[in-house]
Amino acid sequence: MDPYNLPYNLRDALLCLSFLIGAGAGIMAITRQHRTTGILMLAGFLMLAIDPIIEVIIFRVLWMNYAGENYDIFNWAYVCISTPATIIGLGCLTAAIFTAIRTKTTNVDNSPIEIPNS
């Protein structure tokens, strides 16, 4: 392994690990009866995990085995895959936050308090 690539590989591994831990939190939310929030969290973190996975596949595997002259195709492929995945992932996480907030505020019992006659 090239020592110059070590920080990039470590960064990608830590990012992917943290996103997969977040997906695990989404699974925990699903099992604790917060189905919509959990599904949105799971989808959001899995979409965010696509970026480091695609970066490793494109730049560490495909780029190293490519013998052609035009390397721009790898840059374009990375951008065209990772940008929509990141935007969709952030949208899912934002929606998960709003559904979690909404479920907390709608579970409040709004019935009037009855005072017993004394």
PDB file of N, CA and C in Angstrom:
ATOM      1  N   MET A   1       0.843  -1.171   0.000  1.00  0.00           N
ATOM      2  CA  MET A   1       0.000   0.000   0.000  1.00  0.00           C
ATOM      3  C   MET A   1       0.891   1.238   0.000  1.00  0.00           C
ATOM      4  N   ASP A   2       0.511   2.185  -0.812  1.00  0.00           N
ATOM      5  CA  ASP A   2       1.241   3.440  -0.911  1.00  0.00           C
ATOM      6  C   ASP A   2       0.994   4.271   0.351  1.00  0.00           C
ATOM      7  N   PRO A   3       2.059   4.773   1.011  1.00  0.00           N
ATOM      8  CA  PRO A   3       1.827   5.540   2.247  1.00  0.00           C
ATOM      9  C   PRO A   3       1.084   6.852   2.006  1.00  0.00           C
ATOM     10  N   TYR A   4       1.101   7.345   0.776  1.00  0.00           N
ATOM     11  CA  TYR A   4       0.374   8.574   0.481  1.00  0.00           C
ATOM     12  C   TYR A   4      -1.132   8.329   0.408  1.00  0.00           C
ATOM     13  N   ASN A   5      -1.559   7.121   0.107  1.00  0.00           N
ATOM     14  CA  ASN A   5      -2.975   6.791   0.042  1.00  0.00           C
ATOM     15  C   ASN A   5      -3.551   6.362   1.379  1.00  0.00           C
ATOM     16  N   LEU A   6      -2.714   6.131   2.366  1.00  0.00           N
ATOM     17  CA  LEU A   6      -3.186   5.671   3.664  1.00  0.00           C
ATOM     18  C   LEU A   6      -4.195   6.620   4.315  1.00  0.00           C
ATOM     19  N   PRO A   7      -3.969   7.940   4.349  1.00  0.00           N
ATOM     20  CA  PRO A   7      -4.990   8.813   4.954  1.00  0.00           C
ATOM     21  C   PRO A   7      -6.322   8.765   4.216  1.00  0.00           C
ATOM     22  N   TYR A   8      -6.288   8.649   2.892  1.00  0.00           N
ATOM     23  CA  TYR A   8      -7.530   8.592   2.120  1.00  0.00           C
ATOM     24  C   TYR A   8      -8.267   7.282   2.377  1.00  0.00           C
ATOM     25  N   ASN A   9      -7.523   6.192   2.431  1.00  0.00           N
ATOM     26  CA  ASN A   9      -8.152   4.902   2.716  1.00  0.00           C
ATOM     27  C   ASN A   9      -8.728   4.870   4.129  1.00  0.00           C
ATOM     28  N   LEU A  10      -8.011   5.441   5.083  1.00  0.00           N
ATOM     29  CA  LEU A  10      -8.489   5.497   6.459  1.00  0.00           C
ATOM     30  C   LEU A  10      -9.736   6.372   6.562  1.00  0.00           C
ATOM     31  N   ARG A  11      -9.724   7.500   5.874  1.00  0.00           N
ATOM     32  CA  ARG A  11     -10.895   8.379   5.879  1.00  0.00           C
ATOM     33  C   ARG A  11     -12.111   7.685   5.289  1.00  0.00           C
ATOM     34  N   ASP A  12     -11.941   7.002   4.158  1.00  0.00           N
ATOM     35  CA  ASP A  12     -13.056   6.302   3.535  1.00  0.00           C
ATOM     36  C   ASP A  12     -13.581   5.184   4.426  1.00  0.00           C
ATOM     37  N   ALA A  13     -12.676   4.471   5.086  1.00  0.00           N
ATOM     38  CA  ALA A  13     -13.095   3.387   5.974  1.00  0.00           C
ATOM     39  C   ALA A  13     -13.870   3.930   7.173  1.00  0.00           C
ATOM     40  N   LEU A  14     -13.406   5.019   7.765  1.00  0.00           N
ATOM     41  CA  LEU A  14     -14.103   5.598   8.916  1.00  0.00           C
ATOM     42  C   LEU A  14     -15.452   6.196   8.521  1.00  0.00           C
ATOM     43  N   LEU A  15     -15.512   6.840   7.362  1.00  0.00           N
ATOM     44  CA  LEU A  15     -16.785   7.379   6.890  1.00  0.00           C
ATOM     45  C   LEU A  15     -17.795   6.264   6.654  1.00  0.00           C
ATOM     46  N   CYS A  16     -17.357   5.238   5.969  1.00  0.00           N
ATOM     47  CA  CYS A  16     -18.258   4.131   5.686  1.00  0.00           C
ATOM     48  C   CYS A  16     -18.704   3.451   6.977  1.00  0.00           C
ATOM     49  N   LEU A  17     -17.797   3.269   7.918  1.00  0.00           N
ATOM     50  CA  LEU A  17     -18.146   2.663   9.194  1.00  0.00           C
ATOM     51  C   LEU A  17     -19.151   3.510   9.965  1.00  0.00           C
ATOM     52  N   SER A  18     -18.954   4.822   9.986  1.00  0.00           N
ATOM     53  CA  SER A  18     -19.889   5.681  10.709  1.00  0.00           C
ATOM     54  C   SER A  18     -21.260   5.703  10.045  1.00  0.00           C
ATOM     55  N   PHE A  19     -21.303   5.666   8.718  1.00  0.00           N
ATOM     56  CA  PHE A  19     -22.592   5.636   8.031  1.00  0.00           C
ATOM     57  C   PHE A  19     -23.302   4.306   8.255  1.00  0.00           C
ATOM     58  N   LEU A  20     -22.542   3.219   8.320  1.00  0.00           N
ATOM     59  CA  LEU A  20     -23.164   1.926   8.589  1.00  0.00           C
ATOM     60  C   LEU A  20     -23.641   1.827  10.040  1.00  0.00           C
ATOM     61  N   ILE A  21     -22.953   2.487  10.965  1.00  0.00           N
ATOM     62  CA  ILE A  21     -23.434   2.556  12.350  1.00  0.00           C
ATOM     63  C   ILE A  21     -24.742   3.353  12.401  1.00  0.00           C
ATOM     64  N   GLY A  22     -24.822   4.427  11.623  1.00  0.00           N
ATOM     65  CA  GLY A  22     -26.063   5.182  11.532  1.00  0.00           C
ATOM     66  C   GLY A  22     -27.195   4.355  10.949  1.00  0.00           C
ATOM     67  N   ALA A  23     -26.886   3.510   9.968  1.00  0.00           N
ATOM     68  CA  ALA A  23     -27.902   2.615   9.421  1.00  0.00           C
ATOM     69  C   ALA A  23     -28.361   1.623  10.483  1.00  0.00           C
ATOM     70  N   GLY A  24     -27.432   1.187  11.328  1.00  0.00           N
ATOM     71  CA  GLY A  24     -27.810   0.323  12.449  1.00  0.00           C
ATOM     72  C   GLY A  24     -28.735   1.034  13.422  1.00  0.00           C
ATOM     73  N   ALA A  25     -28.508   2.324  13.632  1.00  0.00           N
ATOM     74  CA  ALA A  25     -29.418   3.106  14.486  1.00  0.00           C
ATOM     75  C   ALA A  25     -30.800   3.191  13.849  1.00  0.00           C
ATOM     76  N   GLY A  26     -30.834   3.269  12.527  1.00  0.00           N
ATOM     77  CA  GLY A  26     -32.126   3.255  11.836  1.00  0.00           C
ATOM     78  C   GLY A  26     -32.850   1.933  12.028  1.00  0.00           C
ATOM     79  N   ILE A  27     -32.111   0.834  12.009  1.00  0.00           N
ATOM     80  CA  ILE A  27     -32.726  -0.475  12.250  1.00  0.00           C
ATOM     81  C   ILE A  27     -33.240  -0.565  13.684  1.00  0.00           C
ATOM     82  N   MET A  28     -32.483   0.002  14.628  1.00  0.00           N
ATOM     83  CA  MET A  28     -32.961   0.023  16.014  1.00  0.00           C
ATOM     84  C   MET A  28     -34.234   0.844  16.151  1.00  0.00           C
ATOM     85  N   ALA A  29     -34.331   1.958  15.413  1.00  0.00           N
ATOM     86  CA  ALA A  29     -35.544   2.775  15.469  1.00  0.00           C
ATOM     87  C   ALA A  29     -36.732   2.008  14.896  1.00  0.00           C
ATOM     88  N   ILE A  30     -36.477   1.205  13.854  1.00  0.00           N
ATOM     89  CA  ILE A  30     -37.566   0.408  13.286  1.00  0.00           C
ATOM     90  C   ILE A  30     -38.047  -0.628  14.296  1.00  0.00           C
ATOM     91  N   THR A  31     -37.128  -1.262  14.989  1.00  0.00           N
ATOM     92  CA  THR A  31     -37.516  -2.290  15.958  1.00  0.00           C
ATOM     93  C   THR A  31     -38.192  -1.701  17.194  1.00  0.00           C
ATOM     94  N   ARG A  32     -38.010  -0.427  17.442  1.00  0.00           N
ATOM     95  CA  ARG A  32     -38.653   0.215  18.593  1.00  0.00           C
ATOM     96  C   ARG A  32     -39.915   0.967  18.207  1.00  0.00           C
ATOM     97  N   GLN A  33     -40.544   0.533  17.122  1.00  0.00           N
ATOM     98  CA  GLN A  33     -41.845   1.028  16.669  1.00  0.00           C
ATOM     99  C   GLN A  33     -41.832   2.458  16.152  1.00  0.00           C
ATOM    100  N   HIS A  34     -40.674   2.953  15.716  1.00  0.00           N
ATOM    101  CA  HIS A  34     -40.588   4.240  15.035  1.00  0.00           C
ATOM    102  C   HIS A  34     -40.280   3.943  13.570  1.00  0.00           C
ATOM    103  N   ARG A  35     -41.247   3.326  12.914  1.00  0.00           N
ATOM    104  CA  ARG A  35     -41.030   2.748  11.596  1.00  0.00           C
ATOM    105  C   ARG A  35     -40.645   3.789  10.548  1.00  0.00           C
ATOM    106  N   THR A  36     -41.387   4.869  10.411  1.00  0.00           N
ATOM    107  CA  THR A  36     -41.109   5.863   9.372  1.00  0.00           C
ATOM    108  C   THR A  36     -39.755   6.531   9.603  1.00  0.00           C
ATOM    109  N   THR A  37     -39.504   6.933  10.818  1.00  0.00           N
ATOM    110  CA  THR A  37     -38.218   7.555  11.142  1.00  0.00           C
ATOM    111  C   THR A  37     -37.069   6.584  10.902  1.00  0.00           C
ATOM    112  N   GLY A  38     -37.230   5.347  11.302  1.00  0.00           N
ATOM    113  CA  GLY A  38     -36.184   4.349  11.128  1.00  0.00           C
ATOM    114  C   GLY A  38     -35.902   4.049   9.663  1.00  0.00           C
ATOM    115  N   ILE A  39     -36.941   3.944   8.860  1.00  0.00           N
ATOM    116  CA  ILE A  39     -36.747   3.678   7.429  1.00  0.00           C
ATOM    117  C   ILE A  39     -36.043   4.850   6.765  1.00  0.00           C
ATOM    118  N   LEU A  40     -36.431   6.060   7.121  1.00  0.00           N
ATOM    119  CA  LEU A  40     -35.765   7.234   6.547  1.00  0.00           C
ATOM    120  C   LEU A  40     -34.308   7.324   6.991  1.00  0.00           C
ATOM    121  N   MET A  41     -34.040   7.000   8.251  1.00  0.00           N
ATOM    122  CA  MET A  41     -32.652   6.991   8.729  1.00  0.00           C
ATOM    123  C   MET A  41     -31.826   5.936   8.005  1.00  0.00           C
ATOM    124  N   LEU A  42     -32.392   4.751   7.878  1.00  0.00           N
ATOM    125  CA  LEU A  42     -31.692   3.659   7.202  1.00  0.00           C
ATOM    126  C   LEU A  42     -31.384   4.022   5.765  1.00  0.00           C
ATOM    127  N   ALA A  43     -32.374   4.553   5.056  1.00  0.00           N
ATOM    128  CA  ALA A  43     -32.159   4.946   3.659  1.00  0.00           C
ATOM    129  C   ALA A  43     -31.141   6.074   3.555  1.00  0.00           C
ATOM    130  N   GLY A  44     -31.223   7.052   4.450  1.00  0.00           N
ATOM    131  CA  GLY A  44     -30.300   8.182   4.406  1.00  0.00           C
ATOM    132  C   GLY A  44     -28.854   7.776   4.642  1.00  0.00           C
ATOM    133  N   PHE A  45     -28.631   6.968   5.661  1.00  0.00           N
ATOM    134  CA  PHE A  45     -27.253   6.561   5.947  1.00  0.00           C
ATOM    135  C   PHE A  45     -26.699   5.606   4.894  1.00  0.00           C
ATOM    136  N   LEU A  46     -27.552   4.756   4.335  1.00  0.00           N
ATOM    137  CA  LEU A  46     -27.072   3.883   3.255  1.00  0.00           C
ATOM    138  C   LEU A  46     -26.740   4.694   2.009  1.00  0.00           C
ATOM    139  N   MET A  47     -27.519   5.731   1.726  1.00  0.00           N
ATOM    140  CA  MET A  47     -27.211   6.582   0.568  1.00  0.00           C
ATOM    141  C   MET A  47     -25.912   7.356   0.807  1.00  0.00           C
ATOM    142  N   LEU A  48     -25.683   7.801   2.022  1.00  0.00           N
ATOM    143  CA  LEU A  48     -24.433   8.498   2.326  1.00  0.00           C
ATOM    144  C   LEU A  48     -23.237   7.543   2.281  1.00  0.00           C
ATOM    145  N   ALA A  49     -23.448   6.271   2.576  1.00  0.00           N
ATOM    146  CA  ALA A  49     -22.357   5.289   2.537  1.00  0.00           C
ATOM    147  C   ALA A  49     -21.938   4.967   1.112  1.00  0.00           C
ATOM    148  N   ILE A  50     -22.764   5.320   0.138  1.00  0.00           N
ATOM    149  CA  ILE A  50     -22.411   5.057  -1.263  1.00  0.00           C
ATOM    150  C   ILE A  50     -21.173   5.847  -1.665  1.00  0.00           C
ATOM    151  N   ASP A  51     -21.022   7.070  -1.168  1.00  0.00           N
ATOM    152  CA  ASP A  51     -19.893   7.917  -1.566  1.00  0.00           C
ATOM    153  C   ASP A  51     -18.537   7.281  -1.281  1.00  0.00           C
ATOM    154  N   PRO A  52     -18.210   6.875  -0.040  1.00  0.00           N
ATOM    155  CA  PRO A  52     -16.884   6.276   0.164  1.00  0.00           C
ATOM    156  C   PRO A  52     -16.724   4.927  -0.532  1.00  0.00           C
ATOM    157  N   ILE A  53     -17.815   4.172  -0.658  1.00  0.00           N
ATOM    158  CA  ILE A  53     -17.723   2.881  -1.343  1.00  0.00           C
ATOM    159  C   ILE A  53     -17.403   3.084  -2.818  1.00  0.00           C
ATOM    160  N   ILE A  54     -18.095   4.024  -3.451  1.00  0.00           N
ATOM    161  CA  ILE A  54     -17.849   4.315  -4.868  1.00  0.00           C
ATOM    162  C   ILE A  54     -16.455   4.898  -5.060  1.00  0.00           C
ATOM    163  N   GLU A  55     -16.007   5.716  -4.121  1.00  0.00           N
ATOM    164  CA  GLU A  55     -14.663   6.279  -4.244  1.00  0.00           C
ATOM    165  C   GLU A  55     -13.600   5.188  -4.220  1.00  0.00           C
ATOM    166  N   VAL A  56     -13.756   4.219  -3.352  1.00  0.00           N
ATOM    167  CA  VAL A  56     -12.798   3.110  -3.296  1.00  0.00           C
ATOM    168  C   VAL A  56     -12.857   2.291  -4.582  1.00  0.00           C
ATOM    169  N   ILE A  57     -14.066   1.999  -5.034  1.00  0.00           N
ATOM    170  CA  ILE A  57     -14.201   1.181  -6.246  1.00  0.00           C
ATOM    171  C   ILE A  57     -13.621   1.893  -7.461  1.00  0.00           C
ATOM    172  N   ILE A  58     -13.967   3.161  -7.634  1.00  0.00           N
ATOM    173  CA  ILE A  58     -13.534   3.865  -8.844  1.00  0.00           C
ATOM    174  C   ILE A  58     -12.055   4.216  -8.794  1.00  0.00           C
ATOM    175  N   PHE A  59     -11.614   4.854  -7.706  1.00  0.00           N
ATOM    176  CA  PHE A  59     -10.253   5.386  -7.694  1.00  0.00           C
ATOM    177  C   PHE A  59      -9.201   4.394  -7.203  1.00  0.00           C
ATOM    178  N   ARG A  60      -9.584   3.391  -6.424  1.00  0.00           N
ATOM    179  CA  ARG A  60      -8.587   2.451  -5.926  1.00  0.00           C
ATOM    180  C   ARG A  60      -8.542   1.162  -6.739  1.00  0.00           C
ATOM    181  N   VAL A  61      -9.680   0.796  -7.372  1.00  0.00           N
ATOM    182  CA  VAL A  61      -9.714  -0.460  -8.120  1.00  0.00           C
ATOM    183  C   VAL A  61      -9.683  -0.209  -9.620  1.00  0.00           C
ATOM    184  N   LEU A  62     -10.678   0.520 -10.109  1.00  0.00           N
ATOM    185  CA  LEU A  62     -10.785   0.702 -11.561  1.00  0.00           C
ATOM    186  C   LEU A  62      -9.676   1.586 -12.124  1.00  0.00           C
ATOM    187  N   TRP A  63      -9.372   2.676 -11.437  1.00  0.00           N
ATOM    188  CA  TRP A  63      -8.356   3.619 -11.923  1.00  0.00           C
ATOM    189  C   TRP A  63      -6.995   2.937 -12.034  1.00  0.00           C
ATOM    190  N   MET A  64      -6.648   2.126 -11.059  1.00  0.00           N
ATOM    191  CA  MET A  64      -5.340   1.472 -11.047  1.00  0.00           C
ATOM    192  C   MET A  64      -5.202   0.419 -12.149  1.00  0.00           C
ATOM    193  N   ASN A  65      -6.314  -0.142 -12.598  1.00  0.00           N
ATOM    194  CA  ASN A  65      -6.273  -1.180 -13.628  1.00  0.00           C
ATOM    195  C   ASN A  65      -6.594  -0.651 -15.020  1.00  0.00           C
ATOM    196  N   TYR A  66      -6.782   0.655 -15.153  1.00  0.00           N
ATOM    197  CA  TYR A  66      -7.140   1.251 -16.440  1.00  0.00           C
ATOM    198  C   TYR A  66      -5.873   1.599 -17.204  1.00  0.00           C
ATOM    199  N   ALA A  67      -5.802   1.197 -18.470  1.00  0.00           N
ATOM    200  CA  ALA A  67      -4.608   1.436 -19.283  1.00  0.00           C
ATOM    201  C   ALA A  67      -4.842   2.501 -20.347  1.00  0.00           C
ATOM    202  N   GLY A  68      -6.012   3.105 -20.363  1.00  0.00           N
ATOM    203  CA  GLY A  68      -6.320   4.115 -21.382  1.00  0.00           C
ATOM    204  C   GLY A  68      -5.719   5.463 -21.058  1.00  0.00           C
ATOM    205  N   GLU A  69      -5.970   6.405 -21.943  1.00  0.00           N
ATOM    206  CA  GLU A  69      -5.409   7.753 -21.776  1.00  0.00           C
ATOM    207  C   GLU A  69      -6.368   8.723 -21.111  1.00  0.00           C
ATOM    208  N   ASN A  70      -7.663   8.505 -21.216  1.00  0.00           N
ATOM    209  CA  ASN A  70      -8.647   9.454 -20.727  1.00  0.00           C
ATOM    210  C   ASN A  70      -9.128   9.031 -19.334  1.00  0.00           C
ATOM    211  N   TYR A  71      -8.655   9.750 -18.322  1.00  0.00           N
ATOM    212  CA  TYR A  71      -9.057   9.459 -16.948  1.00  0.00           C
ATOM    213  C   TYR A  71     -10.259  10.282 -16.504  1.00  0.00           C
ATOM    214  N   ASP A  72     -10.733  11.175 -17.349  1.00  0.00           N
ATOM    215  CA  ASP A  72     -11.862  12.023 -16.970  1.00  0.00           C
ATOM    216  C   ASP A  72     -13.139  11.219 -16.746  1.00  0.00           C
ATOM    217  N   ILE A  73     -13.261  10.086 -17.402  1.00  0.00           N
ATOM    218  CA  ILE A  73     -14.462   9.272 -17.239  1.00  0.00           C
ATOM    219  C   ILE A  73     -14.637   8.829 -15.790  1.00  0.00           C
ATOM    220  N   PHE A  74     -13.543   8.584 -15.079  1.00  0.00           N
ATOM    221  CA  PHE A  74     -13.633   8.174 -13.675  1.00  0.00           C
ATOM    222  C   PHE A  74     -14.105   9.332 -12.791  1.00  0.00           C
ATOM    223  N   ASN A  75     -13.598  10.529 -13.059  1.00  0.00           N
ATOM    224  CA  ASN A  75     -14.043  11.698 -12.297  1.00  0.00           C
ATOM    225  C   ASN A  75     -15.523  11.966 -12.519  1.00  0.00           C
ATOM    226  N   TRP A  76     -15.960  11.898 -13.772  1.00  0.00           N
ATOM    227  CA  TRP A  76     -17.369  12.130 -14.081  1.00  0.00           C
ATOM    228  C   TRP A  76     -18.250  11.044 -13.484  1.00  0.00           C
ATOM    229  N   ALA A  77     -17.820   9.811 -13.547  1.00  0.00           N
ATOM    230  CA  ALA A  77     -18.616   8.719 -12.975  1.00  0.00           C
ATOM    231  C   ALA A  77     -18.761   8.898 -11.469  1.00  0.00           C
ATOM    232  N   TYR A  78     -17.660   9.278 -10.809  1.00  0.00           N
ATOM    233  CA  TYR A  78     -17.717   9.481  -9.363  1.00  0.00           C
ATOM    234  C   TYR A  78     -18.685  10.601  -9.001  1.00  0.00           C
ATOM    235  N   VAL A  79     -18.596  11.703  -9.704  1.00  0.00           N
ATOM    236  CA  VAL A  79     -19.468  12.845  -9.414  1.00  0.00           C
ATOM    237  C   VAL A  79     -20.926  12.517  -9.726  1.00  0.00           C
ATOM    238  N   CYS A  80     -21.160  11.847 -10.834  1.00  0.00           N
ATOM    239  CA  CYS A  80     -22.537  11.530 -11.231  1.00  0.00           C
ATOM    240  C   CYS A  80     -23.193  10.504 -10.317  1.00  0.00           C
ATOM    241  N   ILE A  81     -22.409   9.716  -9.619  1.00  0.00           N
ATOM    242  CA  ILE A  81     -22.980   8.736  -8.691  1.00  0.00           C
ATOM    243  C   ILE A  81     -23.059   9.296  -7.279  1.00  0.00           C
ATOM    244  N   SER A  82     -21.993   9.942  -6.827  1.00  0.00           N
ATOM    245  CA  SER A  82     -21.945  10.341  -5.416  1.00  0.00           C
ATOM    246  C   SER A  82     -22.784  11.578  -5.106  1.00  0.00           C
ATOM    247  N   THR A  83     -22.889  12.519  -6.032  1.00  0.00           N
ATOM    248  CA  THR A  83     -23.654  13.737  -5.742  1.00  0.00           C
ATOM    249  C   THR A  83     -25.139  13.458  -5.530  1.00  0.00           C
ATOM    250  N   PRO A  84     -25.828  12.750  -6.446  1.00  0.00           N
ATOM    251  CA  PRO A  84     -27.244  12.458  -6.152  1.00  0.00           C
ATOM    252  C   PRO A  84     -27.419  11.593  -4.906  1.00  0.00           C
ATOM    253  N   ALA A  85     -26.499  10.661  -4.667  1.00  0.00           N
ATOM    254  CA  ALA A  85     -26.616   9.820  -3.473  1.00  0.00           C
ATOM    255  C   ALA A  85     -26.488  10.665  -2.204  1.00  0.00           C
ATOM    256  N   THR A  86     -25.571  11.622  -2.200  1.00  0.00           N
ATOM    257  CA  THR A  86     -25.397  12.490  -1.031  1.00  0.00           C
ATOM    258  C   THR A  86     -26.612  13.386  -0.828  1.00  0.00           C
ATOM    259  N   ILE A  87     -27.136  13.961  -1.897  1.00  0.00           N
ATOM    260  CA  ILE A  87     -28.308  14.841  -1.785  1.00  0.00           C
ATOM    261  C   ILE A  87     -29.523  14.056  -1.302  1.00  0.00           C
ATOM    262  N   ILE A  88     -29.739  12.871  -1.852  1.00  0.00           N
ATOM    263  CA  ILE A  88     -30.874  12.054  -1.423  1.00  0.00           C
ATOM    264  C   ILE A  88     -30.682  11.605   0.027  1.00  0.00           C
ATOM    265  N   GLY A  89     -29.460  11.232   0.391  1.00  0.00           N
ATOM    266  CA  GLY A  89     -29.186  10.821   1.763  1.00  0.00           C
ATOM    267  C   GLY A  89     -29.441  11.930   2.769  1.00  0.00           C
ATOM    268  N   LEU A  90     -28.991  13.132   2.455  1.00  0.00           N
ATOM    269  CA  LEU A  90     -29.243  14.264   3.356  1.00  0.00           C
ATOM    270  C   LEU A  90     -30.731  14.595   3.418  1.00  0.00           C
ATOM    271  N   GLY A  91     -31.424  14.459   2.310  1.00  0.00           N
ATOM    272  CA  GLY A  91     -32.874  14.674   2.303  1.00  0.00           C
ATOM    273  C   GLY A  91     -33.594  13.659   3.174  1.00  0.00           C
ATOM    274  N   CYS A  92     -33.179  12.408   3.096  1.00  0.00           N
ATOM    275  CA  CYS A  92     -33.790  11.369   3.933  1.00  0.00           C
ATOM    276  C   CYS A  92     -33.528  11.619   5.415  1.00  0.00           C
ATOM    277  N   LEU A  93     -32.311  12.026   5.747  1.00  0.00           N
ATOM    278  CA  LEU A  93     -32.006  12.300   7.156  1.00  0.00           C
ATOM    279  C   LEU A  93     -32.760  13.518   7.666  1.00  0.00           C
ATOM    280  N   THR A  94     -32.918  14.530   6.823  1.00  0.00           N
ATOM    281  CA  THR A  94     -33.700  15.705   7.211  1.00  0.00           C
ATOM    282  C   THR A  94     -35.161  15.325   7.432  1.00  0.00           C
ATOM    283  N   ALA A  95     -35.697  14.507   6.534  1.00  0.00           N
ATOM    284  CA  ALA A  95     -37.079  14.046   6.702  1.00  0.00           C
ATOM    285  C   ALA A  95     -37.221  13.186   7.955  1.00  0.00           C
ATOM    286  N   ALA A  96     -36.199  12.394   8.276  1.00  0.00           N
ATOM    287  CA  ALA A  96     -36.245  11.573   9.487  1.00  0.00           C
ATOM    288  C   ALA A  96     -36.277  12.451  10.734  1.00  0.00           C
ATOM    289  N   ILE A  97     -35.508  13.526  10.719  1.00  0.00           N
ATOM    290  CA  ILE A  97     -35.524  14.453  11.859  1.00  0.00           C
ATOM    291  C   ILE A  97     -36.904  15.080  12.015  1.00  0.00           C
ATOM    292  N   PHE A  98     -37.495  15.518  10.906  1.00  0.00           N
ATOM    293  CA  PHE A  98     -38.815  16.145  10.987  1.00  0.00           C
ATOM    294  C   PHE A  98     -39.891  15.145  11.415  1.00  0.00           C
ATOM    295  N   THR A  99     -39.807  13.905  10.950  1.00  0.00           N
ATOM    296  CA  THR A  99     -40.808  12.927  11.401  1.00  0.00           C
ATOM    297  C   THR A  99     -40.613  12.573  12.866  1.00  0.00           C
ATOM    298  N   ALA A 100     -39.370  12.555  13.330  1.00  0.00           N
ATOM    299  CA  ALA A 100     -39.133  12.287  14.752  1.00  0.00           C
ATOM    300  C   ALA A 100     -39.667  13.422  15.609  1.00  0.00           C
ATOM    301  N   ILE A 101     -39.487  14.645  15.165  1.00  0.00           N
ATOM    302  CA  ILE A 101     -40.008  15.795  15.908  1.00  0.00           C
ATOM    303  C   ILE A 101     -41.530  15.796  15.877  1.00  0.00           C
ATOM    304  N   ARG A 102     -42.097  15.502  14.719  1.00  0.00           N
ATOM    305  CA  ARG A 102     -43.543  15.505  14.574  1.00  0.00           C
ATOM    306  C   ARG A 102     -44.176  14.438  15.450  1.00  0.00           C
ATOM    307  N   THR A 103     -43.597  13.255  15.512  1.00  0.00           N
ATOM    308  CA  THR A 103     -44.187  12.206  16.339  1.00  0.00           C
ATOM    309  C   THR A 103     -44.086  12.536  17.819  1.00  0.00           C
ATOM    310  N   LYS A 104     -43.066  13.264  18.220  1.00  0.00           N
ATOM    311  CA  LYS A 104     -42.961  13.662  19.629  1.00  0.00           C
ATOM    312  C   LYS A 104     -44.040  14.676  19.989  1.00  0.00           C
ATOM    313  N   THR A 105     -44.345  15.596  19.089  1.00  0.00           N
ATOM    314  CA  THR A 105     -45.321  16.630  19.415  1.00  0.00           C
ATOM    315  C   THR A 105     -46.755  16.165  19.226  1.00  0.00           C
ATOM    316  N   THR A 106     -46.993  15.181  18.368  1.00  0.00           N
ATOM    317  CA  THR A 106     -48.371  14.747  18.161  1.00  0.00           C
ATOM    318  C   THR A 106     -48.809  13.697  19.179  1.00  0.00           C
ATOM    319  N   ASN A 107     -47.915  13.151  19.966  1.00  0.00           N
ATOM    320  CA  ASN A 107     -48.291  12.166  20.963  1.00  0.00           C
ATOM    321  C   ASN A 107     -48.786  12.794  22.260  1.00  0.00           C
ATOM    322  N   VAL A 108     -48.807  14.106  22.337  1.00  0.00           N
ATOM    323  CA  VAL A 108     -49.256  14.792  23.539  1.00  0.00           C
ATOM    324  C   VAL A 108     -50.777  14.700  23.611  1.00  0.00           C
ATOM    325  N   ASP A 109     -51.276  14.335  24.759  1.00  0.00           N
ATOM    326  CA  ASP A 109     -52.719  14.235  24.961  1.00  0.00           C
ATOM    327  C   ASP A 109     -53.289  15.637  25.193  1.00  0.00           C
ATOM    328  N   ASN A 110     -54.170  16.065  24.301  1.00  0.00           N
ATOM    329  CA  ASN A 110     -54.732  17.416  24.374  1.00  0.00           C
ATOM    330  C   ASN A 110     -56.104  17.439  25.044  1.00  0.00           C
ATOM    331  N   SER A 111     -56.429  16.415  25.757  1.00  0.00           N
ATOM    332  CA  SER A 111     -57.745  16.407  26.409  1.00  0.00           C
ATOM    333  C   SER A 111     -57.701  17.339  27.618  1.00  0.00           C
ATOM    334  N   PRO A 112     -58.853  17.985  27.879  1.00  0.00           N
ATOM    335  CA  PRO A 112     -58.883  18.904  29.025  1.00  0.00           C
ATOM    336  C   PRO A 112     -58.770  18.134  30.352  1.00  0.00           C
ATOM    337  N   ILE A 113     -58.197  18.804  31.312  1.00  0.00           N
ATOM    338  CA  ILE A 113     -58.023  18.203  32.626  1.00  0.00           C
ATOM    339  C   ILE A 113     -59.335  18.324  33.387  1.00  0.00           C
ATOM    340  N   GLU A 114     -59.788  17.189  33.902  1.00  0.00           N
ATOM    341  CA  GLU A 114     -61.018  17.218  34.689  1.00  0.00           C
ATOM    342  C   GLU A 114     -60.685  17.340  36.165  1.00  0.00           C
ATOM    343  N   ILE A 115     -61.310  18.320  36.773  1.00  0.00           N
ATOM    344  CA  ILE A 115     -61.099  18.546  38.199  1.00  0.00           C
ATOM    345  C   ILE A 115     -62.279  17.924  38.943  1.00  0.00           C
ATOM    346  N   PRO A 116     -61.992  17.036  39.868  1.00  0.00           N
ATOM    347  CA  PRO A 116     -63.130  16.414  40.607  1.00  0.00           C
ATOM    348  C   PRO A 116     -63.839  17.439  41.469  1.00  0.00           C
ATOM    349  N   ASN A 117     -65.140  17.252  41.592  1.00  0.00           N
ATOM    350  CA  ASN A 117     -65.937  18.140  42.447  1.00  0.00           C
ATOM    351  C   ASN A 117     -65.608  17.863  43.905  1.00  0.00           C
ATOM    352  N   SER A 118     -65.421  18.929  44.657  1.00  0.00           N
ATOM    353  CA  SER A 118     -65.132  18.713  46.062  1.00  0.00           C
ATOM    354  C   SER A 118     -66.277  19.078  46.942  1.00  0.00           C
TER     355      SER A 118
END
